[in-house]
Amino acid sequence: MRYAIYDSRFTIMHDLHVADKIHKLAIEQAGRNNLKTVEKIVIDLGSVIEHGADISAENLQFNLDLLNQGSLAEGAEIIINKVSGNDWRLVSISGDEK
């Protein structure tokens, strides 16, 4: 017999997957806009289900902070706006130009 067990480690891993997509997109956009640093990342986050778990803003923030270490976005302020819908969107990035 199998039982479904909720384990927050799995949720964090799914949040890491989405955070990685956002991080890569932010760094790519920084390059396109000739930024030497990213100081702010603004994200709209709906109810995103990744592998059966809802992505939480708190875990997304935590994982983005981890991924940003050692990159152009290290120390960036991350603003996550909860919105309706079932997707996420990178709204904007800002930083210092080269």
Protein backbone atom coordinates (compact mmCIF):
# COMPACT_ATOMS: atom_id res chain seq x y z
CA MET A 1 0.00 0.00 0.00
CA ARG A 2 1.30 3.48 -0.87
CA TYR A 3 0.61 6.69 0.96
CA ALA A 4 1.04 10.21 -0.35
CA ILE A 5 3.31 12.20 1.94
CA TYR A 6 3.80 15.93 1.63
CA ASP A 7 7.47 16.81 1.88
CA SER A 8 8.46 20.48 1.65
CA ARG A 9 11.84 19.49 0.16
CA PHE A 10 10.07 18.51 -3.05
CA THR A 11 8.27 21.83 -3.18
CA ILE A 12 11.56 23.69 -2.74
CA MET A 13 13.07 21.68 -5.61
CA HIS A 14 10.19 22.61 -7.93
CA ASP A 15 10.55 26.23 -6.88
CA LEU A 16 14.25 25.92 -7.70
CA HIS A 17 13.38 24.84 -11.25
CA VAL A 18 11.25 27.94 -11.82
CA ALA A 19 13.80 30.15 -10.02
CA ASP A 20 16.50 28.85 -12.37
CA LYS A 21 14.42 29.84 -15.41
CA ILE A 22 13.84 33.32 -13.98
CA HIS A 23 17.51 33.74 -12.99
CA LYS A 24 18.74 32.76 -16.45
CA LEU A 25 16.24 35.09 -18.12
CA ALA A 26 17.23 38.00 -15.85
CA ILE A 27 20.95 37.47 -16.57
CA GLU A 28 20.23 37.19 -20.31
CA GLN A 29 18.23 40.44 -20.23
CA ALA A 30 21.00 42.14 -18.26
CA GLY A 31 23.46 41.22 -21.02
CA ARG A 32 21.13 42.51 -23.72
CA ASN A 33 20.77 45.80 -21.86
CA ASN A 34 24.50 46.18 -21.10
CA LEU A 35 24.06 46.00 -17.33
CA LYS A 36 27.12 45.27 -15.21
CA THR A 37 24.92 44.52 -12.20
CA VAL A 38 21.27 43.68 -11.58
CA GLU A 39 19.96 45.54 -8.55
CA LYS A 40 16.25 44.72 -8.77
CA ILE A 41 14.17 41.88 -10.23
CA VAL A 42 10.38 42.22 -10.37
CA ILE A 43 8.26 39.11 -10.96
CA ASP A 44 4.52 38.50 -11.27
CA LEU A 45 3.63 35.11 -9.82
CA GLY A 46 0.27 33.47 -10.32
CA SER A 47 -0.74 30.07 -9.04
CA VAL A 48 1.94 28.00 -10.74
CA ILE A 49 1.72 24.25 -10.30
CA GLU A 50 5.03 22.50 -10.93
CA HIS A 51 4.95 18.68 -10.63
CA GLY A 52 1.79 18.81 -8.53
CA ALA A 53 2.99 21.48 -6.08
CA ASP A 54 2.12 25.18 -6.01
CA ILE A 55 5.16 27.45 -6.27
CA SER A 56 5.38 29.63 -3.16
CA ALA A 57 6.70 33.19 -3.27
CA GLU A 58 8.85 32.53 -0.19
CA ASN A 59 10.60 29.48 -1.65
CA LEU A 60 10.99 31.22 -5.01
CA GLN A 61 12.65 34.18 -3.27
CA PHE A 62 14.97 31.87 -1.31
CA ASN A 63 16.04 29.97 -4.42
CA LEU A 64 16.57 33.13 -6.47
CA ASP A 65 18.78 34.52 -3.70
CA LEU A 66 20.84 31.30 -3.85
CA LEU A 67 21.12 31.31 -7.64
CA ASN A 68 22.02 34.99 -7.75
CA GLN A 69 25.12 34.45 -5.58
CA GLY A 70 28.28 34.98 -7.61
CA SER A 71 26.37 36.41 -10.59
CA LEU A 72 25.52 39.88 -11.89
CA ALA A 73 22.39 39.68 -9.74
CA GLU A 74 24.08 38.96 -6.41
CA GLY A 75 22.31 40.94 -3.71
CA ALA A 76 19.51 42.04 -6.04
CA GLU A 77 16.25 43.11 -4.47
CA ILE A 78 13.58 40.62 -5.53
CA ILE A 79 9.97 41.76 -5.65
CA ILE A 80 7.35 39.08 -6.19
CA ASN A 81 3.84 40.30 -6.89
CA LYS A 82 1.12 37.69 -6.40
CA VAL A 83 -1.28 37.94 -9.33
CA SER A 84 -4.24 36.00 -10.68
CA GLY A 85 -3.66 33.42 -13.36
CA ASN A 86 -1.51 30.35 -13.53
CA ASP A 87 1.85 31.56 -14.80
CA TRP A 88 4.83 33.69 -13.87
CA ARG A 89 6.33 36.65 -15.72
CA LEU A 90 9.60 38.53 -15.40
CA VAL A 91 8.24 42.09 -15.30
CA SER A 92 11.49 44.02 -15.15
CA ILE A 93 15.10 44.16 -14.10
CA SER A 94 17.15 47.21 -13.28
CA GLY A 95 20.78 47.83 -12.46
CA ASP A 96 23.96 49.69 -13.33
CA GLU A 97 25.05 50.02 -16.95
CA LYS A 98 28.53 49.08 -18.13
